[in-house]
Amino acid sequence: MFRFITSIAGTSPEPFPSSTEFDASKVNPGPIGGLVFLFLTIAVVILLFSFNRHIKRVNFEQDDTEQ
């Protein structure tokens, strides 16, 4: 059984061998990643302002009987 599995898998030391070497120092998000990050940052800031405005409108009246 083990011979069968190794014959199918091959003799590569990597699980998924690639034809080119991967250089981690050359990886960057690019302009699309920057735009996505900018959009998400602006969306979070707008949501925080909206949340703050809605919280200010809430009327917290506490009953004296509930303690």
PDB file of N, CA and C in Angstrom:
ATOM      1  N   MET A   1       0.826  -1.193   0.000  1.00  0.00           N
ATOM      2  CA  MET A   1       0.000   0.000   0.000  1.00  0.00           C
ATOM      3  C   MET A   1       0.867   1.253   0.000  1.00  0.00           C
ATOM      4  N   PHE A   2       1.951   1.240   0.797  1.00  0.00           N
ATOM      5  CA  PHE A   2       2.820   2.401   0.876  1.00  0.00           C
ATOM      6  C   PHE A   2       3.512   2.661  -0.460  1.00  0.00           C
ATOM      7  N   ARG A   3       3.911   1.593  -1.156  1.00  0.00           N
ATOM      8  CA  ARG A   3       4.538   1.749  -2.466  1.00  0.00           C
ATOM      9  C   ARG A   3       3.576   2.380  -3.461  1.00  0.00           C
ATOM     10  N   PHE A   4       2.335   2.001  -3.391  1.00  0.00           N
ATOM     11  CA  PHE A   4       1.333   2.562  -4.292  1.00  0.00           C
ATOM     12  C   PHE A   4       1.180   4.065  -4.063  1.00  0.00           C
ATOM     13  N   ILE A   5       1.109   4.473  -2.793  1.00  0.00           N
ATOM     14  CA  ILE A   5       0.943   5.889  -2.477  1.00  0.00           C
ATOM     15  C   ILE A   5       2.168   6.685  -2.908  1.00  0.00           C
ATOM     16  N   THR A   6       3.352   6.181  -2.653  1.00  0.00           N
ATOM     17  CA  THR A   6       4.563   6.909  -3.056  1.00  0.00           C
ATOM     18  C   THR A   6       4.723   6.953  -4.567  1.00  0.00           C
ATOM     19  N   SER A   7       4.254   5.957  -5.279  1.00  0.00           N
ATOM     20  CA  SER A   7       4.349   6.007  -6.737  1.00  0.00           C
ATOM     21  C   SER A   7       3.392   7.050  -7.306  1.00  0.00           C
ATOM     22  N   ILE A   8       2.245   7.233  -6.670  1.00  0.00           N
ATOM     23  CA  ILE A   8       1.307   8.256  -7.128  1.00  0.00           C
ATOM     24  C   ILE A   8       1.816   9.649  -6.768  1.00  0.00           C
ATOM     25  N   ALA A   9       2.333   9.793  -5.552  1.00  0.00           N
ATOM     26  CA  ALA A   9       2.772  11.095  -5.074  1.00  0.00           C
ATOM     27  C   ALA A   9       4.040  11.562  -5.765  1.00  0.00           C
ATOM     28  N   GLY A  10       4.878  10.673  -6.214  1.00  0.00           N
ATOM     29  CA  GLY A  10       6.136  11.051  -6.847  1.00  0.00           C
ATOM     30  C   GLY A  10       7.238  11.175  -5.818  1.00  0.00           C
ATOM     31  N   THR A  11       8.377  11.686  -6.247  1.00  0.00           N
ATOM     32  CA  THR A  11       9.525  11.772  -5.351  1.00  0.00           C
ATOM     33  C   THR A  11       9.908  13.214  -5.055  1.00  0.00           C
ATOM     34  N   SER A  12       9.003  14.136  -5.204  1.00  0.00           N
ATOM     35  CA  SER A  12       9.295  15.540  -4.959  1.00  0.00           C
ATOM     36  C   SER A  12       9.393  15.811  -3.453  1.00  0.00           C
ATOM     37  N   PRO A  13      10.387  16.598  -3.020  1.00  0.00           N
ATOM     38  CA  PRO A  13      10.487  16.914  -1.591  1.00  0.00           C
ATOM     39  C   PRO A  13       9.407  17.887  -1.124  1.00  0.00           C
ATOM     40  N   GLU A  14       8.793  18.612  -2.051  1.00  0.00           N
ATOM     41  CA  GLU A  14       7.740  19.561  -1.715  1.00  0.00           C
ATOM     42  C   GLU A  14       6.380  18.944  -2.027  1.00  0.00           C
ATOM     43  N   PRO A  15       5.371  19.297  -1.250  1.00  0.00           N
ATOM     44  CA  PRO A  15       4.046  18.755  -1.544  1.00  0.00           C
ATOM     45  C   PRO A  15       3.493  19.248  -2.879  1.00  0.00           C
ATOM     46  N   PHE A  16       3.752  20.507  -3.219  1.00  0.00           N
ATOM     47  CA  PHE A  16       3.286  21.082  -4.484  1.00  0.00           C
ATOM     48  C   PHE A  16       4.466  21.785  -5.141  1.00  0.00           C
ATOM     49  N   PRO A  17       5.276  21.077  -5.898  1.00  0.00           N
ATOM     50  CA  PRO A  17       6.457  21.715  -6.495  1.00  0.00           C
ATOM     51  C   PRO A  17       6.059  22.761  -7.527  1.00  0.00           C
ATOM     52  N   SER A  18       6.799  23.857  -7.536  1.00  0.00           N
ATOM     53  CA  SER A  18       6.515  24.915  -8.502  1.00  0.00           C
ATOM     54  C   SER A  18       7.642  24.988  -9.516  1.00  0.00           C
ATOM     55  N   SER A  19       7.348  25.535 -10.669  1.00  0.00           N
ATOM     56  CA  SER A  19       8.362  25.640 -11.707  1.00  0.00           C
ATOM     57  C   SER A  19       9.310  26.803 -11.443  1.00  0.00           C
ATOM     58  N   THR A  20       8.884  27.794 -10.660  1.00  0.00           N
ATOM     59  CA  THR A  20       9.734  28.940 -10.347  1.00  0.00           C
ATOM     60  C   THR A  20       9.903  29.041  -8.847  1.00  0.00           C
ATOM     61  N   GLU A  21      10.983  29.654  -8.436  1.00  0.00           N
ATOM     62  CA  GLU A  21      11.221  29.868  -7.011  1.00  0.00           C
ATOM     63  C   GLU A  21      10.409  31.060  -6.534  1.00  0.00           C
ATOM     64  N   PHE A  22       9.933  30.989  -5.321  1.00  0.00           N
ATOM     65  CA  PHE A  22       9.104  32.043  -4.721  1.00  0.00           C
ATOM     66  C   PHE A  22       9.984  32.913  -3.848  1.00  0.00           C
ATOM     67  N   ASP A  23      10.035  34.217  -4.140  1.00  0.00           N
ATOM     68  CA  ASP A  23      10.832  35.150  -3.355  1.00  0.00           C
ATOM     69  C   ASP A  23       9.877  35.989  -2.516  1.00  0.00           C
ATOM     70  N   ALA A  24       9.872  35.733  -1.204  1.00  0.00           N
ATOM     71  CA  ALA A  24       8.935  36.415  -0.308  1.00  0.00           C
ATOM     72  C   ALA A  24       9.220  37.905  -0.188  1.00  0.00           C
ATOM     73  N   SER A  25      10.432  38.359  -0.486  1.00  0.00           N
ATOM     74  CA  SER A  25      10.748  39.783  -0.366  1.00  0.00           C
ATOM     75  C   SER A  25      10.158  40.605  -1.506  1.00  0.00           C
ATOM     76  N   LYS A  26       9.730  39.955  -2.581  1.00  0.00           N
ATOM     77  CA  LYS A  26       9.171  40.675  -3.725  1.00  0.00           C
ATOM     78  C   LYS A  26       7.645  40.725  -3.712  1.00  0.00           C
ATOM     79  N   VAL A  27       7.028  40.203  -2.677  1.00  0.00           N
ATOM     80  CA  VAL A  27       5.573  40.172  -2.611  1.00  0.00           C
ATOM     81  C   VAL A  27       5.075  41.473  -1.996  1.00  0.00           C
ATOM     82  N   ASN A  28       4.152  42.132  -2.659  1.00  0.00           N
ATOM     83  CA  ASN A  28       3.534  43.345  -2.122  1.00  0.00           C
ATOM     84  C   ASN A  28       2.068  43.385  -2.518  1.00  0.00           C
ATOM     85  N   PRO A  29       1.259  44.178  -1.826  1.00  0.00           N
ATOM     86  CA  PRO A  29      -0.169  44.170  -2.106  1.00  0.00           C
ATOM     87  C   PRO A  29      -0.541  44.831  -3.429  1.00  0.00           C
ATOM     88  N   GLY A  30       0.284  45.725  -3.925  1.00  0.00           N
ATOM     89  CA  GLY A  30      -0.005  46.381  -5.192  1.00  0.00           C
ATOM     90  C   GLY A  30      -1.033  47.482  -5.036  1.00  0.00           C
ATOM     91  N   PRO A  31      -1.398  48.120  -6.128  1.00  0.00           N
ATOM     92  CA  PRO A  31      -2.344  49.250  -6.057  1.00  0.00           C
ATOM     93  C   PRO A  31      -3.758  48.811  -5.670  1.00  0.00           C
ATOM     94  N   ILE A  32      -4.172  47.629  -6.064  1.00  0.00           N
ATOM     95  CA  ILE A  32      -5.523  47.173  -5.717  1.00  0.00           C
ATOM     96  C   ILE A  32      -5.619  46.923  -4.217  1.00  0.00           C
ATOM     97  N   GLY A  33      -4.591  46.328  -3.639  1.00  0.00           N
ATOM     98  CA  GLY A  33      -4.569  46.112  -2.193  1.00  0.00           C
ATOM     99  C   GLY A  33      -4.588  47.421  -1.433  1.00  0.00           C
ATOM    100  N   GLY A  34      -3.877  48.424  -1.922  1.00  0.00           N
ATOM    101  CA  GLY A  34      -3.885  49.744  -1.290  1.00  0.00           C
ATOM    102  C   GLY A  34      -5.253  50.393  -1.352  1.00  0.00           C
ATOM    103  N   LEU A  35      -5.914  50.263  -2.494  1.00  0.00           N
ATOM    104  CA  LEU A  35      -7.259  50.838  -2.625  1.00  0.00           C
ATOM    105  C   LEU A  35      -8.262  50.132  -1.724  1.00  0.00           C
ATOM    106  N   VAL A  36      -8.152  48.822  -1.617  1.00  0.00           N
ATOM    107  CA  VAL A  36      -9.046  48.071  -0.732  1.00  0.00           C
ATOM    108  C   VAL A  36      -8.820  48.483   0.715  1.00  0.00           C
ATOM    109  N   PHE A  37      -7.558  48.613   1.121  1.00  0.00           N
ATOM    110  CA  PHE A  37      -7.244  49.039   2.484  1.00  0.00           C
ATOM    111  C   PHE A  37      -7.781  50.442   2.749  1.00  0.00           C
ATOM    112  N   LEU A  38      -7.609  51.359   1.797  1.00  0.00           N
ATOM    113  CA  LEU A  38      -8.121  52.725   1.947  1.00  0.00           C
ATOM    114  C   LEU A  38      -9.642  52.725   2.065  1.00  0.00           C
ATOM    115  N   PHE A  39     -10.317  51.945   1.226  1.00  0.00           N
ATOM    116  CA  PHE A  39     -11.774  51.869   1.271  1.00  0.00           C
ATOM    117  C   PHE A  39     -12.258  51.327   2.615  1.00  0.00           C
ATOM    118  N   LEU A  40     -11.619  50.273   3.112  1.00  0.00           N
ATOM    119  CA  LEU A  40     -12.018  49.700   4.398  1.00  0.00           C
ATOM    120  C   LEU A  40     -11.776  50.666   5.548  1.00  0.00           C
ATOM    121  N   THR A  41     -10.679  51.418   5.497  1.00  0.00           N
ATOM    122  CA  THR A  41     -10.388  52.397   6.540  1.00  0.00           C
ATOM    123  C   THR A  41     -11.435  53.497   6.551  1.00  0.00           C
ATOM    124  N   ILE A  42     -11.783  54.008   5.389  1.00  0.00           N
ATOM    125  CA  ILE A  42     -12.810  55.060   5.299  1.00  0.00           C
ATOM    126  C   ILE A  42     -14.151  54.525   5.766  1.00  0.00           C
ATOM    127  N   ALA A  43     -14.494  53.298   5.401  1.00  0.00           N
ATOM    128  CA  ALA A  43     -15.769  52.705   5.816  1.00  0.00           C
ATOM    129  C   ALA A  43     -15.834  52.552   7.335  1.00  0.00           C
ATOM    130  N   VAL A  44     -14.749  52.151   7.970  1.00  0.00           N
ATOM    131  CA  VAL A  44     -14.733  51.992   9.425  1.00  0.00           C
ATOM    132  C   VAL A  44     -14.895  53.343  10.112  1.00  0.00           C
ATOM    133  N   VAL A  45     -14.231  54.374   9.601  1.00  0.00           N
ATOM    134  CA  VAL A  45     -14.355  55.713  10.196  1.00  0.00           C
ATOM    135  C   VAL A  45     -15.788  56.227  10.064  1.00  0.00           C
ATOM    136  N   ILE A  46     -16.399  56.039   8.916  1.00  0.00           N
ATOM    137  CA  ILE A  46     -17.800  56.469   8.727  1.00  0.00           C
ATOM    138  C   ILE A  46     -18.721  55.691   9.663  1.00  0.00           C
ATOM    139  N   LEU A  47     -18.506  54.401   9.801  1.00  0.00           N
ATOM    140  CA  LEU A  47     -19.332  53.598  10.709  1.00  0.00           C
ATOM    141  C   LEU A  47     -19.161  54.034  12.163  1.00  0.00           C
ATOM    142  N   LEU A  48     -17.956  54.414  12.557  1.00  0.00           N
ATOM    143  CA  LEU A  48     -17.741  54.887  13.929  1.00  0.00           C
ATOM    144  C   LEU A  48     -18.480  56.192  14.185  1.00  0.00           C
ATOM    145  N   PHE A  49     -18.437  57.122  13.229  1.00  0.00           N
ATOM    146  CA  PHE A  49     -19.186  58.366  13.391  1.00  0.00           C
ATOM    147  C   PHE A  49     -20.687  58.104  13.461  1.00  0.00           C
ATOM    148  N   SER A  50     -21.185  57.205  12.615  1.00  0.00           N
ATOM    149  CA  SER A  50     -22.598  56.872  12.618  1.00  0.00           C
ATOM    150  C   SER A  50     -23.006  56.217  13.932  1.00  0.00           C
ATOM    151  N   PHE A  51     -22.184  55.301  14.416  1.00  0.00           N
ATOM    152  CA  PHE A  51     -22.454  54.628  15.683  1.00  0.00           C
ATOM    153  C   PHE A  51     -22.502  55.640  16.828  1.00  0.00           C
ATOM    154  N   ASN A  52     -21.562  56.564  16.844  1.00  0.00           N
ATOM    155  CA  ASN A  52     -21.511  57.574  17.890  1.00  0.00           C
ATOM    156  C   ASN A  52     -22.756  58.463  17.847  1.00  0.00           C
ATOM    157  N   ARG A  53     -23.193  58.840  16.661  1.00  0.00           N
ATOM    158  CA  ARG A  53     -24.383  59.683  16.521  1.00  0.00           C
ATOM    159  C   ARG A  53     -25.635  58.950  17.005  1.00  0.00           C
ATOM    160  N   HIS A  54     -25.756  57.666  16.682  1.00  0.00           N
ATOM    161  CA  HIS A  54     -26.929  56.906  17.105  1.00  0.00           C
ATOM    162  C   HIS A  54     -26.928  56.651  18.612  1.00  0.00           C
ATOM    163  N   ILE A  55     -25.765  56.441  19.191  1.00  0.00           N
ATOM    164  CA  ILE A  55     -25.693  56.222  20.639  1.00  0.00           C
ATOM    165  C   ILE A  55     -26.090  57.489  21.394  1.00  0.00           C
ATOM    166  N   LYS A  56     -25.752  58.657  20.862  1.00  0.00           N
ATOM    167  CA  LYS A  56     -26.121  59.913  21.525  1.00  0.00           C
ATOM    168  C   LYS A  56     -27.631  60.121  21.527  1.00  0.00           C
ATOM    169  N   ARG A  57     -28.344  59.561  20.575  1.00  0.00           N
ATOM    170  CA  ARG A  57     -29.799  59.718  20.494  1.00  0.00           C
ATOM    171  C   ARG A  57     -30.558  58.813  21.461  1.00  0.00           C
ATOM    172  N   VAL A  58     -29.914  57.781  21.959  1.00  0.00           N
ATOM    173  CA  VAL A  58     -30.585  56.821  22.838  1.00  0.00           C
ATOM    174  C   VAL A  58     -30.839  57.473  24.186  1.00  0.00           C
ATOM    175  N   ASN A  59     -32.068  57.297  24.696  1.00  0.00           N
ATOM    176  CA  ASN A  59     -32.448  57.875  25.983  1.00  0.00           C
ATOM    177  C   ASN A  59     -32.420  56.757  27.022  1.00  0.00           C
ATOM    178  N   PHE A  60     -31.438  56.822  27.912  1.00  0.00           N
ATOM    179  CA  PHE A  60     -31.309  55.820  28.956  1.00  0.00           C
ATOM    180  C   PHE A  60     -31.989  56.326  30.214  1.00  0.00           C
ATOM    181  N   GLU A  61     -33.236  55.948  30.409  1.00  0.00           N
ATOM    182  CA  GLU A  61     -33.954  56.322  31.631  1.00  0.00           C
ATOM    183  C   GLU A  61     -33.979  55.103  32.536  1.00  0.00           C
ATOM    184  N   GLN A  62     -33.487  55.284  33.741  1.00  0.00           N
ATOM    185  CA  GLN A  62     -33.442  54.172  34.678  1.00  0.00           C
ATOM    186  C   GLN A  62     -34.547  54.372  35.719  1.00  0.00           C
ATOM    187  N   ASP A  63     -35.314  53.319  35.951  1.00  0.00           N
ATOM    188  CA  ASP A  63     -36.362  53.377  36.981  1.00  0.00           C
ATOM    189  C   ASP A  63     -35.731  53.297  38.356  1.00  0.00           C
ATOM    190  N   ASP A  64     -36.355  53.984  39.331  1.00  0.00           N
ATOM    191  CA  ASP A  64     -35.859  53.929  40.698  1.00  0.00           C
ATOM    192  C   ASP A  64     -36.165  52.593  41.347  1.00  0.00           C
ATOM    193  N   THR A  65     -37.185  51.887  40.848  1.00  0.00           N
ATOM    194  CA  THR A  65     -37.559  50.615  41.461  1.00  0.00           C
ATOM    195  C   THR A  65     -36.592  49.491  41.068  1.00  0.00           C
ATOM    196  N   GLU A  66     -35.907  49.653  39.969  1.00  0.00           N
ATOM    197  CA  GLU A  66     -34.965  48.624  39.519  1.00  0.00           C
ATOM    198  C   GLU A  66     -33.581  48.932  40.089  1.00  0.00           C
ATOM    199  N   GLN A  67     -33.166  48.150  41.046  1.00  0.00           N
ATOM    200  CA  GLN A  67     -31.819  48.331  41.596  1.00  0.00           C
ATOM    201  C   GLN A  67     -31.238  47.035  42.023  1.00  0.00           C
TER     202      GLN A  67
END
